[in-house]
mmCIF file of all heavy atoms, coordinates in Angstrom:
data_MODEL
# 
_entry.id   MODEL 
# 
loop_
_atom_site.group_PDB 
_atom_site.id 
_atom_site.type_symbol 
_atom_site.label_atom_id 
_atom_site.label_alt_id 
_atom_site.label_comp_id 
_atom_site.label_asym_id 
_atom_site.label_entity_id 
_atom_site.label_seq_id 
_atom_site.pdbx_PDB_ins_code 
_atom_site.Cartn_x 
_atom_site.Cartn_y 
_atom_site.Cartn_z 
_atom_site.occupancy 
_atom_site.B_iso_or_equiv 
_atom_site.pdbx_formal_charge 
_atom_site.auth_seq_id 
_atom_site.auth_comp_id 
_atom_site.auth_asym_id 
_atom_site.auth_atom_id 
_atom_site.pdbx_PDB_model_num 
ATOM 1   N N   . PHE A 1 1  ? 129.462 -71.018 53.537 1.00 0.00 ? 1  PHE A N   1 
ATOM 2   C CA  . PHE A 1 1  ? 127.948 -70.735 53.360 1.00 0.00 ? 1  PHE A CA  1 
ATOM 3   C C   . PHE A 1 1  ? 127.838 -69.346 52.717 1.00 0.00 ? 1  PHE A C   1 
ATOM 4   O O   . PHE A 1 1  ? 128.558 -68.489 53.051 1.00 0.00 ? 1  PHE A O   1 
ATOM 5   C CB  . PHE A 1 1  ? 127.433 -70.711 54.869 1.00 0.00 ? 1  PHE A CB  1 
ATOM 6   C CG  . PHE A 1 1  ? 127.542 -71.999 55.581 1.00 0.00 ? 1  PHE A CG  1 
ATOM 7   C CD1 . PHE A 1 1  ? 128.672 -72.191 56.407 1.00 0.00 ? 1  PHE A CD1 1 
ATOM 8   C CD2 . PHE A 1 1  ? 126.596 -73.063 55.375 1.00 0.00 ? 1  PHE A CD2 1 
ATOM 9   C CE1 . PHE A 1 1  ? 128.744 -73.456 56.972 1.00 0.00 ? 1  PHE A CE1 1 
ATOM 10  C CE2 . PHE A 1 1  ? 126.698 -74.255 56.030 1.00 0.00 ? 1  PHE A CE2 1 
ATOM 11  C CZ  . PHE A 1 1  ? 127.836 -74.473 56.805 1.00 0.00 ? 1  PHE A CZ  1 
ATOM 12  N N   . THR A 1 2  ? 126.999 -69.396 51.761 1.00 0.00 ? 2  THR A N   1 
ATOM 13  C CA  . THR A 1 2  ? 126.727 -68.184 50.994 1.00 0.00 ? 2  THR A CA  1 
ATOM 14  C C   . THR A 1 2  ? 125.266 -67.891 50.912 1.00 0.00 ? 2  THR A C   1 
ATOM 15  O O   . THR A 1 2  ? 124.442 -68.729 51.063 1.00 0.00 ? 2  THR A O   1 
ATOM 16  C CB  . THR A 1 2  ? 127.204 -68.356 49.483 1.00 0.00 ? 2  THR A CB  1 
ATOM 17  O OG1 . THR A 1 2  ? 126.513 -69.457 48.982 1.00 0.00 ? 2  THR A OG1 1 
ATOM 18  C CG2 . THR A 1 2  ? 128.672 -68.619 49.412 1.00 0.00 ? 2  THR A CG2 1 
ATOM 19  N N   . VAL A 1 3  ? 124.931 -66.537 50.667 1.00 0.00 ? 3  VAL A N   1 
ATOM 20  C CA  . VAL A 1 3  ? 123.723 -66.095 50.436 1.00 0.00 ? 3  VAL A CA  1 
ATOM 21  C C   . VAL A 1 3  ? 123.732 -65.419 49.047 1.00 0.00 ? 3  VAL A C   1 
ATOM 22  O O   . VAL A 1 3  ? 124.491 -64.432 48.969 1.00 0.00 ? 3  VAL A O   1 
ATOM 23  C CB  . VAL A 1 3  ? 123.178 -65.129 51.514 1.00 0.00 ? 3  VAL A CB  1 
ATOM 24  C CG1 . VAL A 1 3  ? 124.092 -64.001 51.846 1.00 0.00 ? 3  VAL A CG1 1 
ATOM 25  C CG2 . VAL A 1 3  ? 121.810 -64.652 51.227 1.00 0.00 ? 3  VAL A CG2 1 
ATOM 26  N N   . ARG A 1 4  ? 122.963 -66.045 48.181 1.00 0.00 ? 4  ARG A N   1 
ATOM 27  C CA  . ARG A 1 4  ? 122.994 -65.401 46.833 1.00 0.00 ? 4  ARG A CA  1 
ATOM 28  C C   . ARG A 1 4  ? 124.454 -65.200 46.188 1.00 0.00 ? 4  ARG A C   1 
ATOM 29  O O   . ARG A 1 4  ? 124.693 -64.245 45.619 1.00 0.00 ? 4  ARG A O   1 
ATOM 30  C CB  . ARG A 1 4  ? 122.146 -64.172 46.652 1.00 0.00 ? 4  ARG A CB  1 
ATOM 31  C CG  . ARG A 1 4  ? 120.657 -64.474 46.802 1.00 0.00 ? 4  ARG A CG  1 
ATOM 32  C CD  . ARG A 1 4  ? 119.800 -63.249 46.351 1.00 0.00 ? 4  ARG A CD  1 
ATOM 33  N NE  . ARG A 1 4  ? 118.405 -63.486 46.685 1.00 0.00 ? 4  ARG A NE  1 
ATOM 34  C CZ  . ARG A 1 4  ? 117.585 -62.429 46.632 1.00 0.00 ? 4  ARG A CZ  1 
ATOM 35  N NH1 . ARG A 1 4  ? 117.890 -61.296 46.211 1.00 0.00 ? 4  ARG A NH1 1 
ATOM 36  N NH2 . ARG A 1 4  ? 116.372 -62.764 46.927 1.00 0.00 ? 4  ARG A NH2 1 
ATOM 37  N N   . GLY A 1 5  ? 125.231 -66.245 46.570 1.00 0.00 ? 5  GLY A N   1 
ATOM 38  C CA  . GLY A 1 5  ? 126.640 -66.158 46.015 1.00 0.00 ? 5  GLY A CA  1 
ATOM 39  C C   . GLY A 1 5  ? 127.621 -65.373 46.758 1.00 0.00 ? 5  GLY A C   1 
ATOM 40  O O   . GLY A 1 5  ? 128.784 -65.400 46.466 1.00 0.00 ? 5  GLY A O   1 
ATOM 41  N N   . HIS A 1 6  ? 127.214 -64.764 47.900 1.00 0.00 ? 6  HIS A N   1 
ATOM 42  C CA  . HIS A 1 6  ? 128.145 -63.913 48.769 1.00 0.00 ? 6  HIS A CA  1 
ATOM 43  C C   . HIS A 1 6  ? 128.478 -64.800 49.952 1.00 0.00 ? 6  HIS A C   1 
ATOM 44  O O   . HIS A 1 6  ? 127.564 -65.166 50.814 1.00 0.00 ? 6  HIS A O   1 
ATOM 45  C CB  . HIS A 1 6  ? 127.480 -62.655 49.125 1.00 0.00 ? 6  HIS A CB  1 
ATOM 46  C CG  . HIS A 1 6  ? 127.173 -61.787 47.925 1.00 0.00 ? 6  HIS A CG  1 
ATOM 47  N ND1 . HIS A 1 6  ? 128.126 -60.962 47.251 1.00 0.00 ? 6  HIS A ND1 1 
ATOM 48  C CD2 . HIS A 1 6  ? 126.027 -61.477 47.260 1.00 0.00 ? 6  HIS A CD2 1 
ATOM 49  C CE1 . HIS A 1 6  ? 127.624 -60.350 46.336 1.00 0.00 ? 6  HIS A CE1 1 
ATOM 50  N NE2 . HIS A 1 6  ? 126.363 -60.729 46.287 1.00 0.00 ? 6  HIS A NE2 1 
ATOM 51  N N   . ARG A 1 7  ? 129.734 -65.101 50.108 1.00 0.00 ? 7  ARG A N   1 
ATOM 52  C CA  . ARG A 1 7  ? 130.117 -65.936 51.303 1.00 0.00 ? 7  ARG A CA  1 
ATOM 53  C C   . ARG A 1 7  ? 130.082 -65.086 52.551 1.00 0.00 ? 7  ARG A C   1 
ATOM 54  O O   . ARG A 1 7  ? 130.477 -63.944 52.567 1.00 0.00 ? 7  ARG A O   1 
ATOM 55  C CB  . ARG A 1 7  ? 131.550 -66.335 51.104 1.00 0.00 ? 7  ARG A CB  1 
ATOM 56  C CG  . ARG A 1 7  ? 131.968 -67.285 52.294 1.00 0.00 ? 7  ARG A CG  1 
ATOM 57  C CD  . ARG A 1 7  ? 133.426 -67.584 52.298 1.00 0.00 ? 7  ARG A CD  1 
ATOM 58  N NE  . ARG A 1 7  ? 133.829 -68.288 51.174 1.00 0.00 ? 7  ARG A NE  1 
ATOM 59  C CZ  . ARG A 1 7  ? 134.889 -69.032 51.095 1.00 0.00 ? 7  ARG A CZ  1 
ATOM 60  N NH1 . ARG A 1 7  ? 135.717 -69.144 52.098 1.00 0.00 ? 7  ARG A NH1 1 
ATOM 61  N NH2 . ARG A 1 7  ? 135.195 -69.711 49.993 1.00 0.00 ? 7  ARG A NH2 1 
ATOM 62  N N   . PHE A 1 8  ? 129.345 -65.642 53.565 1.00 0.00 ? 8  PHE A N   1 
ATOM 63  C CA  . PHE A 1 8  ? 129.345 -64.928 54.821 1.00 0.00 ? 8  PHE A CA  1 
ATOM 64  C C   . PHE A 1 8  ? 130.017 -65.700 55.945 1.00 0.00 ? 8  PHE A C   1 
ATOM 65  O O   . PHE A 1 8  ? 130.255 -65.124 57.023 1.00 0.00 ? 8  PHE A O   1 
ATOM 66  C CB  . PHE A 1 8  ? 127.874 -64.536 55.077 1.00 0.00 ? 8  PHE A CB  1 
ATOM 67  C CG  . PHE A 1 8  ? 126.917 -65.697 55.492 1.00 0.00 ? 8  PHE A CG  1 
ATOM 68  C CD1 . PHE A 1 8  ? 126.725 -66.118 56.755 1.00 0.00 ? 8  PHE A CD1 1 
ATOM 69  C CD2 . PHE A 1 8  ? 126.208 -66.358 54.359 1.00 0.00 ? 8  PHE A CD2 1 
ATOM 70  C CE1 . PHE A 1 8  ? 125.863 -67.125 56.924 1.00 0.00 ? 8  PHE A CE1 1 
ATOM 71  C CE2 . PHE A 1 8  ? 125.377 -67.366 54.558 1.00 0.00 ? 8  PHE A CE2 1 
ATOM 72  C CZ  . PHE A 1 8  ? 125.141 -67.855 55.973 1.00 0.00 ? 8  PHE A CZ  1 
ATOM 73  N N   . ALA A 1 9  ? 130.140 -67.082 55.807 1.00 0.00 ? 9  ALA A N   1 
ATOM 74  C CA  . ALA A 1 9  ? 130.649 -67.855 56.884 1.00 0.00 ? 9  ALA A CA  1 
ATOM 75  C C   . ALA A 1 9  ? 131.340 -69.009 56.236 1.00 0.00 ? 9  ALA A C   1 
ATOM 76  O O   . ALA A 1 9  ? 130.917 -69.509 55.210 1.00 0.00 ? 9  ALA A O   1 
ATOM 77  C CB  . ALA A 1 9  ? 129.571 -68.277 57.825 1.00 0.00 ? 9  ALA A CB  1 
ATOM 78  N N   . ALA A 1 10 ? 132.347 -69.452 56.973 1.00 0.00 ? 10 ALA A N   1 
ATOM 79  C CA  . ALA A 1 10 ? 133.059 -70.682 56.434 1.00 0.00 ? 10 ALA A CA  1 
ATOM 80  C C   . ALA A 1 10 ? 133.682 -71.391 57.697 1.00 0.00 ? 10 ALA A C   1 
ATOM 81  O O   . ALA A 1 10 ? 134.034 -70.786 58.706 1.00 0.00 ? 10 ALA A O   1 
ATOM 82  C CB  . ALA A 1 10 ? 134.125 -70.258 55.467 1.00 0.00 ? 10 ALA A CB  1 
ATOM 83  N N   . ALA A 1 11 ? 133.900 -72.624 57.630 1.00 0.00 ? 11 ALA A N   1 
ATOM 84  C CA  . ALA A 1 11 ? 134.673 -73.424 58.672 1.00 0.00 ? 11 ALA A CA  1 
ATOM 85  C C   . ALA A 1 11 ? 135.991 -74.075 57.993 1.00 0.00 ? 11 ALA A C   1 
ATOM 86  O O   . ALA A 1 11 ? 135.733 -74.598 56.801 1.00 0.00 ? 11 ALA A O   1 
ATOM 87  C CB  . ALA A 1 11 ? 133.804 -74.503 59.176 1.00 0.00 ? 11 ALA A CB  1 
ATOM 88  N N   . THR A 1 12 ? 137.021 -73.801 58.582 1.00 0.00 ? 12 THR A N   1 
ATOM 89  C CA  . THR A 1 12 ? 138.247 -74.351 58.056 1.00 0.00 ? 12 THR A CA  1 
ATOM 90  C C   . THR A 1 12 ? 138.506 -75.732 58.494 1.00 0.00 ? 12 THR A C   1 
ATOM 91  O O   . THR A 1 12 ? 137.963 -76.266 59.570 1.00 0.00 ? 12 THR A O   1 
ATOM 92  C CB  . THR A 1 12 ? 139.488 -73.485 58.429 1.00 0.00 ? 12 THR A CB  1 
ATOM 93  O OG1 . THR A 1 12 ? 139.647 -73.418 59.826 1.00 0.00 ? 12 THR A OG1 1 
ATOM 94  C CG2 . THR A 1 12 ? 139.175 -72.076 57.989 1.00 0.00 ? 12 THR A CG2 1 
ATOM 95  N N   . LYS A 1 13 ? 139.448 -76.509 57.933 1.00 0.00 ? 13 LYS A N   1 
ATOM 96  C CA  . LYS A 1 13 ? 139.858 -77.895 58.340 1.00 0.00 ? 13 LYS A CA  1 
ATOM 97  C C   . LYS A 1 13 ? 140.388 -77.902 59.677 1.00 0.00 ? 13 LYS A C   1 
ATOM 98  O O   . LYS A 1 13 ? 140.187 -78.897 60.420 1.00 0.00 ? 13 LYS A O   1 
ATOM 99  C CB  . LYS A 1 13 ? 140.995 -78.369 57.395 1.00 0.00 ? 13 LYS A CB  1 
ATOM 100 C CG  . LYS A 1 13 ? 140.524 -78.734 56.006 1.00 0.00 ? 13 LYS A CG  1 
ATOM 101 C CD  . LYS A 1 13 ? 141.793 -79.386 55.341 1.00 0.00 ? 13 LYS A CD  1 
ATOM 102 C CE  . LYS A 1 13 ? 141.532 -79.247 53.770 1.00 0.00 ? 13 LYS A CE  1 
ATOM 103 N NZ  . LYS A 1 13 ? 142.717 -79.797 53.079 1.00 0.00 ? 13 LYS A NZ  1 
ATOM 104 N N   . ASP A 1 14 ? 140.881 -76.712 60.190 1.00 0.00 ? 14 ASP A N   1 
ATOM 105 C CA  . ASP A 1 14 ? 141.529 -76.768 61.630 1.00 0.00 ? 14 ASP A CA  1 
ATOM 106 C C   . ASP A 1 14 ? 140.482 -76.359 62.672 1.00 0.00 ? 14 ASP A C   1 
ATOM 107 O O   . ASP A 1 14 ? 140.927 -76.012 63.772 1.00 0.00 ? 14 ASP A O   1 
ATOM 108 C CB  . ASP A 1 14 ? 142.745 -75.908 61.683 1.00 0.00 ? 14 ASP A CB  1 
ATOM 109 C CG  . ASP A 1 14 ? 142.519 -74.460 61.404 1.00 0.00 ? 14 ASP A CG  1 
ATOM 110 O OD1 . ASP A 1 14 ? 141.311 -74.095 60.975 1.00 0.00 ? 14 ASP A OD1 1 
ATOM 111 O OD2 . ASP A 1 14 ? 143.458 -73.578 61.555 1.00 0.00 ? 14 ASP A OD2 1 
ATOM 112 N N   . GLY A 1 15 ? 139.225 -76.322 62.263 1.00 0.00 ? 15 GLY A N   1 
ATOM 113 C CA  . GLY A 1 15 ? 138.226 -76.136 63.286 1.00 0.00 ? 15 GLY A CA  1 
ATOM 114 C C   . GLY A 1 15 ? 137.930 -74.621 63.627 1.00 0.00 ? 15 GLY A C   1 
ATOM 115 O O   . GLY A 1 15 ? 137.533 -74.370 64.714 1.00 0.00 ? 15 GLY A O   1 
ATOM 116 N N   . ARG A 1 16 ? 138.263 -73.792 62.708 1.00 0.00 ? 16 ARG A N   1 
ATOM 117 C CA  . ARG A 1 16 ? 138.025 -72.305 62.961 1.00 0.00 ? 16 ARG A CA  1 
ATOM 118 C C   . ARG A 1 16 ? 136.798 -71.927 62.126 1.00 0.00 ? 16 ARG A C   1 
ATOM 119 O O   . ARG A 1 16 ? 136.582 -72.430 60.895 1.00 0.00 ? 16 ARG A O   1 
ATOM 120 C CB  . ARG A 1 16 ? 139.176 -71.513 62.561 1.00 0.00 ? 16 ARG A CB  1 
ATOM 121 C CG  . ARG A 1 16 ? 140.362 -71.736 63.502 1.00 0.00 ? 16 ARG A CG  1 
ATOM 122 C CD  . ARG A 1 16 ? 141.502 -70.812 63.113 1.00 0.00 ? 16 ARG A CD  1 
ATOM 123 N NE  . ARG A 1 16 ? 142.612 -71.000 64.031 1.00 0.00 ? 16 ARG A NE  1 
ATOM 124 C CZ  . ARG A 1 16 ? 142.622 -70.309 65.225 1.00 0.00 ? 16 ARG A CZ  1 
ATOM 125 N NH1 . ARG A 1 16 ? 141.697 -69.446 65.603 1.00 0.00 ? 16 ARG A NH1 1 
ATOM 126 N NH2 . ARG A 1 16 ? 143.636 -70.481 66.135 1.00 0.00 ? 16 ARG A NH2 1 
ATOM 127 N N   . VAL A 1 17 ? 136.011 -70.961 62.564 1.00 0.00 ? 17 VAL A N   1 
ATOM 128 C CA  . VAL A 1 17 ? 134.937 -70.384 61.826 1.00 0.00 ? 17 VAL A CA  1 
ATOM 129 C C   . VAL A 1 17 ? 135.339 -68.990 61.334 1.00 0.00 ? 17 VAL A C   1 
ATOM 130 O O   . VAL A 1 17 ? 136.124 -68.260 62.099 1.00 0.00 ? 17 VAL A O   1 
ATOM 131 C CB  . VAL A 1 17 ? 133.676 -70.305 62.554 1.00 0.00 ? 17 VAL A CB  1 
ATOM 132 C CG1 . VAL A 1 17 ? 133.832 -69.397 63.834 1.00 0.00 ? 17 VAL A CG1 1 
ATOM 133 C CG2 . VAL A 1 17 ? 132.631 -69.805 61.693 1.00 0.00 ? 17 VAL A CG2 1 
ATOM 134 N N   . GLN A 1 18 ? 135.200 -68.664 60.056 1.00 0.00 ? 18 GLN A N   1 
ATOM 135 C CA  . GLN A 1 18 ? 135.529 -67.303 59.437 1.00 0.00 ? 18 GLN A CA  1 
ATOM 136 C C   . GLN A 1 18 ? 134.140 -66.603 59.341 1.00 0.00 ? 18 GLN A C   1 
ATOM 137 O O   . GLN A 1 18 ? 133.299 -67.215 58.525 1.00 0.00 ? 18 GLN A O   1 
ATOM 138 C CB  . GLN A 1 18 ? 136.308 -67.508 58.227 1.00 0.00 ? 18 GLN A CB  1 
ATOM 139 C CG  . GLN A 1 18 ? 137.579 -68.181 58.503 1.00 0.00 ? 18 GLN A CG  1 
ATOM 140 C CD  . GLN A 1 18 ? 138.362 -68.458 57.292 1.00 0.00 ? 18 GLN A CD  1 
ATOM 141 O OE1 . GLN A 1 18 ? 139.545 -68.468 57.313 1.00 0.00 ? 18 GLN A OE1 1 
ATOM 142 N NE2 . GLN A 1 18 ? 137.776 -68.576 56.094 1.00 0.00 ? 18 GLN A NE2 1 
ATOM 143 N N   . LEU A 1 19 ? 133.983 -65.425 59.729 1.00 0.00 ? 19 LEU A N   1 
ATOM 144 C CA  . LEU A 1 19 ? 132.724 -64.728 59.643 1.00 0.00 ? 19 LEU A CA  1 
ATOM 145 C C   . LEU A 1 19 ? 133.024 -63.314 59.008 1.00 0.00 ? 19 LEU A C   1 
ATOM 146 O O   . LEU A 1 19 ? 133.765 -62.573 59.568 1.00 0.00 ? 19 LEU A O   1 
ATOM 147 C CB  . LEU A 1 19 ? 131.907 -64.605 60.935 1.00 0.00 ? 19 LEU A CB  1 
ATOM 148 C CG  . LEU A 1 19 ? 131.607 -65.887 61.518 1.00 0.00 ? 19 LEU A CG  1 
ATOM 149 C CD1 . LEU A 1 19 ? 131.368 -65.773 62.990 1.00 0.00 ? 19 LEU A CD1 1 
ATOM 150 C CD2 . LEU A 1 19 ? 130.360 -66.480 60.878 1.00 0.00 ? 19 LEU A CD2 1 
ATOM 151 N N   . ARG A 1 20 ? 132.294 -62.986 57.972 1.00 0.00 ? 20 ARG A N   1 
ATOM 152 C CA  . ARG A 1 20 ? 132.416 -61.647 57.374 1.00 0.00 ? 20 ARG A CA  1 
ATOM 153 C C   . ARG A 1 20 ? 131.488 -60.650 58.113 1.00 0.00 ? 20 ARG A C   1 
ATOM 154 O O   . ARG A 1 20 ? 130.296 -60.965 58.229 1.00 0.00 ? 20 ARG A O   1 
ATOM 155 C CB  . ARG A 1 20 ? 132.041 -61.705 55.833 1.00 0.00 ? 20 ARG A CB  1 
ATOM 156 C CG  . ARG A 1 20 ? 132.843 -62.549 55.004 1.00 0.00 ? 20 ARG A CG  1 
ATOM 157 C CD  . ARG A 1 20 ? 134.250 -62.086 54.587 1.00 0.00 ? 20 ARG A CD  1 
ATOM 158 N NE  . ARG A 1 20 ? 134.183 -60.777 54.072 1.00 0.00 ? 20 ARG A NE  1 
ATOM 159 C CZ  . ARG A 1 20 ? 134.512 -60.651 52.800 1.00 0.00 ? 20 ARG A CZ  1 
ATOM 160 N NH1 . ARG A 1 20 ? 134.769 -61.631 52.025 1.00 0.00 ? 20 ARG A NH1 1 
ATOM 161 N NH2 . ARG A 1 20 ? 134.460 -59.461 52.268 1.00 0.00 ? 20 ARG A NH2 1 
ATOM 162 N N   . LEU A 1 21 ? 132.032 -59.664 58.663 1.00 0.00 ? 21 LEU A N   1 
ATOM 163 C CA  . LEU A 1 21 ? 131.299 -58.703 59.516 1.00 0.00 ? 21 LEU A CA  1 
ATOM 164 C C   . LEU A 1 21 ? 131.663 -57.233 59.151 1.00 0.00 ? 21 LEU A C   1 
ATOM 165 O O   . LEU A 1 21 ? 132.822 -56.968 58.770 1.00 0.00 ? 21 LEU A O   1 
ATOM 166 C CB  . LEU A 1 21 ? 131.481 -58.975 60.967 1.00 0.00 ? 21 LEU A CB  1 
ATOM 167 C CG  . LEU A 1 21 ? 131.094 -60.349 61.511 1.00 0.00 ? 21 LEU A CG  1 
ATOM 168 C CD1 . LEU A 1 21 ? 131.675 -60.590 62.880 1.00 0.00 ? 21 LEU A CD1 1 
ATOM 169 C CD2 . LEU A 1 21 ? 129.543 -60.364 61.577 1.00 0.00 ? 21 LEU A CD2 1 
ATOM 170 N N   . PRO A 1 22 ? 130.745 -56.378 59.343 1.00 0.00 ? 22 PRO A N   1 
ATOM 171 C CA  . PRO A 1 22 ? 131.128 -54.916 59.289 1.00 0.00 ? 22 PRO A CA  1 
ATOM 172 C C   . PRO A 1 22 ? 132.206 -54.594 60.341 1.00 0.00 ? 22 PRO A C   1 
ATOM 173 O O   . PRO A 1 22 ? 132.349 -55.301 61.353 1.00 0.00 ? 22 PRO A O   1 
ATOM 174 C CB  . PRO A 1 22 ? 129.790 -54.164 59.531 1.00 0.00 ? 22 PRO A CB  1 
ATOM 175 C CG  . PRO A 1 22 ? 128.761 -55.164 59.395 1.00 0.00 ? 22 PRO A CG  1 
ATOM 176 C CD  . PRO A 1 22 ? 129.338 -56.491 59.613 1.00 0.00 ? 22 PRO A CD  1 
ATOM 177 N N   . ARG A 1 23 ? 132.892 -53.527 60.084 1.00 0.00 ? 23 ARG A N   1 
ATOM 178 C CA  . ARG A 1 23 ? 134.104 -53.114 60.956 1.00 0.00 ? 23 ARG A CA  1 
ATOM 179 C C   . ARG A 1 23 ? 133.644 -53.033 62.370 1.00 0.00 ? 23 ARG A C   1 
ATOM 180 O O   . ARG A 1 23 ? 134.316 -53.582 63.246 1.00 0.00 ? 23 ARG A O   1 
ATOM 181 C CB  . ARG A 1 23 ? 134.556 -51.802 60.573 1.00 0.00 ? 23 ARG A CB  1 
ATOM 182 C CG  . ARG A 1 23 ? 135.803 -51.315 61.308 1.00 0.00 ? 23 ARG A CG  1 
ATOM 183 C CD  . ARG A 1 23 ? 136.465 -50.070 60.892 1.00 0.00 ? 23 ARG A CD  1 
ATOM 184 N NE  . ARG A 1 23 ? 137.150 -50.416 59.643 1.00 0.00 ? 23 ARG A NE  1 
ATOM 185 C CZ  . ARG A 1 23 ? 138.433 -50.565 59.453 1.00 0.00 ? 23 ARG A CZ  1 
ATOM 186 N NH1 . ARG A 1 23 ? 139.227 -50.423 60.495 1.00 0.00 ? 23 ARG A NH1 1 
ATOM 187 N NH2 . ARG A 1 23 ? 138.944 -50.855 58.209 1.00 0.00 ? 23 ARG A NH2 1 
ATOM 188 N N   . ALA A 1 24 ? 132.553 -52.313 62.789 1.00 0.00 ? 24 ALA A N   1 
ATOM 189 C CA  . ALA A 1 24 ? 132.220 -52.139 64.244 1.00 0.00 ? 24 ALA A CA  1 
ATOM 190 C C   . ALA A 1 24 ? 131.860 -53.481 64.816 1.00 0.00 ? 24 ALA A C   1 
ATOM 191 O O   . ALA A 1 24 ? 132.235 -53.772 65.991 1.00 0.00 ? 24 ALA A O   1 
ATOM 192 C CB  . ALA A 1 24 ? 131.061 -51.119 64.295 1.00 0.00 ? 24 ALA A CB  1 
ATOM 193 N N   . GLU A 1 25 ? 131.156 -54.340 64.076 1.00 0.00 ? 25 GLU A N   1 
ATOM 194 C CA  . GLU A 1 25 ? 130.826 -55.668 64.648 1.00 0.00 ? 25 GLU A CA  1 
ATOM 195 C C   . GLU A 1 25 ? 132.127 -56.546 64.775 1.00 0.00 ? 25 GLU A C   1 
ATOM 196 O O   . GLU A 1 25 ? 132.119 -57.326 65.755 1.00 0.00 ? 25 GLU A O   1 
ATOM 197 C CB  . GLU A 1 25 ? 129.746 -56.299 63.893 1.00 0.00 ? 25 GLU A CB  1 
ATOM 198 C CG  . GLU A 1 25 ? 128.428 -55.583 63.932 1.00 0.00 ? 25 GLU A CG  1 
ATOM 199 C CD  . GLU A 1 25 ? 127.218 -56.242 63.132 1.00 0.00 ? 25 GLU A CD  1 
ATOM 200 O OE1 . GLU A 1 25 ? 127.180 -57.373 63.411 1.00 0.00 ? 25 GLU A OE1 1 
ATOM 201 O OE2 . GLU A 1 25 ? 126.595 -55.526 62.464 1.00 0.00 ? 25 GLU A OE2 1 
ATOM 202 N N   . THR A 1 26 ? 132.925 -56.369 63.908 1.00 0.00 ? 26 THR A N   1 
ATOM 203 C CA  . THR A 1 26 ? 134.272 -57.221 63.958 1.00 0.00 ? 26 THR A CA  1 
ATOM 204 C C   . THR A 1 26 ? 135.056 -56.777 65.204 1.00 0.00 ? 26 THR A C   1 
ATOM 205 O O   . THR A 1 26 ? 135.543 -57.634 65.902 1.00 0.00 ? 26 THR A O   1 
ATOM 206 C CB  . THR A 1 26 ? 135.104 -56.896 62.613 1.00 0.00 ? 26 THR A CB  1 
ATOM 207 O OG1 . THR A 1 26 ? 134.507 -57.338 61.501 1.00 0.00 ? 26 THR A OG1 1 
ATOM 208 C CG2 . THR A 1 26 ? 136.476 -57.521 62.751 1.00 0.00 ? 26 THR A CG2 1 
# 
């Protein structure tokens, strides 16, 4: 999932979600 070409979330084949977050929120 992207917003204006910048990926912010993705789901992998193995059922994991990957989320781009700032350091403190990570």
